[in-house]
Amino acid sequence: SALAQLVAQRAAAVAAGARFSLGLSGGSLVRILSQELPAAATGPAAPARWLVAFCDERLVPPEHPESTFGAYKVSGAEGRPRAPTAPGRP
């Protein structure tokens, strides 16, 4: 998608040694990015230097149906890269 390509282009444009910061919300964005971003985020856009924040995270455990973090983590169960694990969480 155009969104996945834009994110990958911006990540690749970050200077060497710097971090690319990305804020993720939930809803339909989970499906779009979980399916399309892994293929776009390769080479200089690889997520190793990314700082990912969950912008609309609710105060619920990751297993809760309304957890944005949990939604991204679950989307990785189908063979796509998983969301990073929250500190203190498996």
N, C-alpha and C. Protein backbone atom coordinates (compact mmCIF):
# COMPACT_ATOMS: atom_id res chain seq x y z
N SER A 1 0.84 -1.18 0.00
CA SER A 1 0.00 0.00 0.00
C SER A 1 0.88 1.24 0.00
N ALA A 2 0.28 2.34 -0.33
CA ALA A 2 1.01 3.61 -0.34
C ALA A 2 1.50 3.96 1.07
N LEU A 3 0.72 3.63 2.08
CA LEU A 3 1.13 3.93 3.46
C LEU A 3 2.37 3.12 3.85
N ALA A 4 2.38 1.84 3.56
CA ALA A 4 3.54 1.00 3.89
C ALA A 4 4.77 1.50 3.15
N GLN A 5 4.63 1.87 1.89
CA GLN A 5 5.75 2.39 1.12
C GLN A 5 6.27 3.71 1.70
N LEU A 6 5.36 4.58 2.12
CA LEU A 6 5.75 5.85 2.71
C LEU A 6 6.53 5.64 4.01
N VAL A 7 6.06 4.75 4.86
CA VAL A 7 6.75 4.46 6.12
C VAL A 7 8.15 3.92 5.82
N ALA A 8 8.26 2.98 4.88
CA ALA A 8 9.56 2.41 4.53
C ALA A 8 10.49 3.46 3.95
N GLN A 9 9.98 4.34 3.11
CA GLN A 9 10.81 5.41 2.54
C GLN A 9 11.33 6.33 3.62
N ARG A 10 10.47 6.71 4.55
CA ARG A 10 10.89 7.60 5.64
C ARG A 10 11.92 6.91 6.53
N ALA A 11 11.71 5.62 6.81
CA ALA A 11 12.67 4.88 7.63
C ALA A 11 14.02 4.80 6.95
N ALA A 12 14.03 4.57 5.65
CA ALA A 12 15.28 4.47 4.90
C ALA A 12 16.01 5.81 4.84
N ALA A 13 15.27 6.91 4.92
CA ALA A 13 15.86 8.24 4.80
C ALA A 13 16.53 8.72 6.09
N VAL A 14 16.30 8.02 7.20
CA VAL A 14 16.91 8.43 8.47
C VAL A 14 18.42 8.21 8.37
N ALA A 15 19.17 9.16 8.86
CA ALA A 15 20.63 9.10 8.79
C ALA A 15 21.17 7.86 9.50
N ALA A 16 22.27 7.34 9.00
CA ALA A 16 22.91 6.17 9.61
C ALA A 16 23.20 6.45 11.08
N GLY A 17 22.91 5.48 11.91
CA GLY A 17 23.14 5.62 13.34
C GLY A 17 21.99 6.26 14.09
N ALA A 18 21.02 6.82 13.39
CA ALA A 18 19.88 7.45 14.04
C ALA A 18 18.73 6.46 14.13
N ARG A 19 17.72 6.82 14.90
CA ARG A 19 16.53 6.00 15.02
C ARG A 19 15.39 6.59 14.22
N PHE A 20 14.56 5.70 13.70
CA PHE A 20 13.32 6.09 13.04
C PHE A 20 12.20 5.83 14.04
N SER A 21 11.43 6.86 14.37
CA SER A 21 10.33 6.72 15.33
C SER A 21 9.01 6.60 14.59
N LEU A 22 8.20 5.64 15.03
CA LEU A 22 6.91 5.38 14.39
C LEU A 22 5.85 5.19 15.46
N GLY A 23 4.80 5.99 15.39
CA GLY A 23 3.67 5.85 16.31
C GLY A 23 2.57 5.06 15.62
N LEU A 24 2.12 4.00 16.26
CA LEU A 24 1.09 3.14 15.69
C LEU A 24 -0.21 3.26 16.46
N SER A 25 -1.29 3.40 15.73
CA SER A 25 -2.61 3.34 16.36
C SER A 25 -3.24 2.00 16.00
N GLY A 26 -4.41 1.76 16.51
CA GLY A 26 -5.07 0.48 16.28
C GLY A 26 -6.04 0.54 15.13
N GLY A 27 -7.14 -0.15 15.29
CA GLY A 27 -8.18 -0.17 14.26
C GLY A 27 -7.73 -0.87 13.00
N SER A 28 -8.15 -0.35 11.85
CA SER A 28 -7.84 -0.98 10.57
C SER A 28 -6.35 -0.87 10.22
N LEU A 29 -5.64 0.02 10.88
CA LEU A 29 -4.20 0.17 10.60
C LEU A 29 -3.43 -1.10 10.95
N VAL A 30 -3.88 -1.84 11.96
CA VAL A 30 -3.21 -3.09 12.35
C VAL A 30 -3.15 -4.03 11.15
N ARG A 31 -4.27 -4.25 10.51
CA ARG A 31 -4.33 -5.17 9.38
C ARG A 31 -3.47 -4.67 8.22
N ILE A 32 -3.60 -3.40 7.90
CA ILE A 32 -2.86 -2.84 6.77
C ILE A 32 -1.36 -2.98 6.97
N LEU A 33 -0.87 -2.51 8.11
CA LEU A 33 0.58 -2.53 8.32
C LEU A 33 1.11 -3.94 8.59
N SER A 34 0.35 -4.77 9.26
CA SER A 34 0.80 -6.14 9.53
C SER A 34 0.97 -6.93 8.24
N GLN A 35 0.14 -6.66 7.27
CA GLN A 35 0.21 -7.39 6.01
C GLN A 35 1.21 -6.79 5.03
N GLU A 36 1.35 -5.48 5.02
CA GLU A 36 2.10 -4.84 3.94
C GLU A 36 3.44 -4.24 4.34
N LEU A 37 3.60 -3.85 5.59
CA LEU A 37 4.84 -3.20 5.99
C LEU A 37 6.04 -4.14 6.02
N PRO A 38 5.92 -5.40 6.48
CA PRO A 38 7.11 -6.25 6.51
C PRO A 38 7.80 -6.39 5.16
N ALA A 39 7.04 -6.48 4.08
CA ALA A 39 7.65 -6.61 2.76
C ALA A 39 8.32 -5.31 2.32
N ALA A 40 7.79 -4.19 2.76
CA ALA A 40 8.34 -2.89 2.36
C ALA A 40 9.54 -2.49 3.21
N ALA A 41 9.61 -2.97 4.44
CA ALA A 41 10.66 -2.56 5.38
C ALA A 41 11.87 -3.48 5.29
N THR A 42 12.63 -3.33 4.23
CA THR A 42 13.82 -4.14 4.02
C THR A 42 15.00 -3.23 3.72
N GLY A 43 16.19 -3.80 3.70
CA GLY A 43 17.38 -3.01 3.39
C GLY A 43 17.56 -1.87 4.35
N PRO A 44 17.75 -0.64 3.85
CA PRO A 44 17.97 0.49 4.74
C PRO A 44 16.73 0.85 5.57
N ALA A 45 15.58 0.30 5.23
CA ALA A 45 14.36 0.56 5.99
C ALA A 45 14.08 -0.52 7.02
N ALA A 46 14.98 -1.48 7.19
CA ALA A 46 14.77 -2.58 8.13
C ALA A 46 14.51 -2.05 9.54
N PRO A 47 13.62 -2.67 10.29
CA PRO A 47 13.17 -2.15 11.58
C PRO A 47 14.18 -2.20 12.73
N ALA A 48 15.40 -2.63 12.50
CA ALA A 48 16.37 -2.72 13.60
C ALA A 48 16.61 -1.39 14.29
N ARG A 49 16.45 -0.27 13.58
CA ARG A 49 16.69 1.05 14.17
C ARG A 49 15.39 1.79 14.48
N TRP A 50 14.28 1.10 14.48
CA TRP A 50 12.99 1.74 14.71
C TRP A 50 12.66 1.82 16.20
N LEU A 51 12.04 2.90 16.57
CA LEU A 51 11.45 3.05 17.90
C LEU A 51 9.94 3.09 17.66
N VAL A 52 9.24 2.07 18.13
CA VAL A 52 7.80 1.95 17.88
C VAL A 52 7.04 2.29 19.14
N ALA A 53 6.05 3.18 19.01
CA ALA A 53 5.19 3.55 20.13
C ALA A 53 3.74 3.27 19.75
N PHE A 54 2.98 2.83 20.72
CA PHE A 54 1.57 2.54 20.49
C PHE A 54 0.78 3.73 21.01
N CYS A 55 0.30 4.55 20.08
CA CYS A 55 -0.27 5.86 20.39
C CYS A 55 -1.59 5.85 21.14
N ASP A 56 -2.43 4.90 20.90
CA ASP A 56 -3.73 4.92 21.57
C ASP A 56 -3.88 3.73 22.51
N GLU A 57 -2.77 3.30 23.07
CA GLU A 57 -2.81 2.14 23.96
C GLU A 57 -3.68 2.43 25.18
N ARG A 58 -4.54 1.51 25.47
CA ARG A 58 -5.41 1.61 26.63
C ARG A 58 -4.74 0.92 27.81
N LEU A 59 -5.17 1.20 28.99
CA LEU A 59 -4.59 0.59 30.18
C LEU A 59 -5.24 -0.78 30.38
N VAL A 60 -4.90 -1.68 29.48
CA VAL A 60 -5.39 -3.05 29.53
C VAL A 60 -4.21 -3.97 29.23
N PRO A 61 -4.26 -5.22 29.69
CA PRO A 61 -3.17 -6.15 29.38
C PRO A 61 -3.12 -6.45 27.87
N PRO A 62 -1.98 -6.88 27.35
CA PRO A 62 -1.85 -7.15 25.91
C PRO A 62 -2.85 -8.19 25.40
N GLU A 63 -3.32 -9.07 26.27
CA GLU A 63 -4.26 -10.11 25.85
C GLU A 63 -5.68 -9.58 25.69
N HIS A 64 -5.94 -8.38 26.18
CA HIS A 64 -7.28 -7.80 26.14
C HIS A 64 -7.65 -7.44 24.70
N PRO A 65 -8.91 -7.66 24.29
CA PRO A 65 -9.32 -7.36 22.91
C PRO A 65 -9.14 -5.90 22.49
N GLU A 66 -9.07 -4.96 23.44
CA GLU A 66 -8.91 -3.55 23.09
C GLU A 66 -7.47 -3.07 23.13
N SER A 67 -6.52 -3.98 23.32
CA SER A 67 -5.12 -3.61 23.39
C SER A 67 -4.53 -3.44 21.99
N THR A 68 -4.02 -2.25 21.70
CA THR A 68 -3.37 -2.01 20.41
C THR A 68 -2.09 -2.85 20.31
N PHE A 69 -1.29 -2.85 21.36
CA PHE A 69 -0.07 -3.66 21.37
C PHE A 69 -0.42 -5.13 21.12
N GLY A 70 -1.44 -5.62 21.81
CA GLY A 70 -1.86 -7.01 21.65
C GLY A 70 -2.32 -7.31 20.23
N ALA A 71 -3.00 -6.36 19.60
CA ALA A 71 -3.47 -6.57 18.23
C ALA A 71 -2.30 -6.74 17.27
N TYR A 72 -1.26 -5.93 17.43
CA TYR A 72 -0.08 -6.07 16.56
C TYR A 72 0.66 -7.36 16.88
N LYS A 73 0.75 -7.70 18.14
CA LYS A 73 1.45 -8.92 18.53
C LYS A 73 0.74 -10.14 17.96
N VAL A 74 -0.57 -10.18 18.07
CA VAL A 74 -1.35 -11.30 17.54
C VAL A 74 -1.22 -11.37 16.03
N SER A 75 -1.15 -10.25 15.35
CA SER A 75 -1.05 -10.27 13.89
C SER A 75 0.22 -10.96 13.43
N GLY A 76 1.25 -10.99 14.28
CA GLY A 76 2.50 -11.67 13.94
C GLY A 76 2.40 -13.18 14.02
N ALA A 77 1.34 -13.69 14.62
CA ALA A 77 1.18 -15.13 14.77
C ALA A 77 0.97 -15.84 13.45
N GLU A 78 0.72 -15.10 12.40
CA GLU A 78 0.47 -15.70 11.09
C GLU A 78 1.73 -15.68 10.22
N GLY A 79 2.89 -15.58 10.83
CA GLY A 79 4.14 -15.64 10.08
C GLY A 79 4.75 -14.30 9.75
N ARG A 80 4.07 -13.22 10.07
CA ARG A 80 4.65 -11.89 9.83
C ARG A 80 5.45 -11.49 11.06
N PRO A 81 6.38 -10.56 10.90
CA PRO A 81 7.15 -10.12 12.06
C PRO A 81 6.24 -9.64 13.19
N ARG A 82 6.60 -9.99 14.39
CA ARG A 82 5.81 -9.64 15.55
C ARG A 82 6.19 -8.26 16.06
N ALA A 83 5.29 -7.67 16.79
CA ALA A 83 5.57 -6.39 17.44
C ALA A 83 6.62 -6.64 18.52
N PRO A 84 7.43 -5.65 18.84
CA PRO A 84 8.40 -5.83 19.92
C PRO A 84 7.68 -6.10 21.22
N THR A 85 8.32 -6.84 22.10
CA THR A 85 7.72 -7.17 23.38
C THR A 85 7.85 -6.00 24.33
N ALA A 86 6.80 -5.69 25.04
CA ALA A 86 6.83 -4.62 26.03
C ALA A 86 7.74 -5.02 27.18
N PRO A 87 8.45 -4.07 27.79
CA PRO A 87 9.32 -4.41 28.92
C PRO A 87 8.53 -5.15 29.99
N GLY A 88 9.10 -6.25 30.46
CA GLY A 88 8.48 -7.04 31.51
C GLY A 88 7.37 -7.95 31.01
N ARG A 89 7.19 -8.03 29.71
CA ARG A 89 6.14 -8.90 29.14
C ARG A 89 6.80 -9.93 28.23
N PRO A 90 6.22 -11.14 28.15
CA PRO A 90 6.78 -12.17 27.25
C PRO A 90 6.59 -11.83 25.79
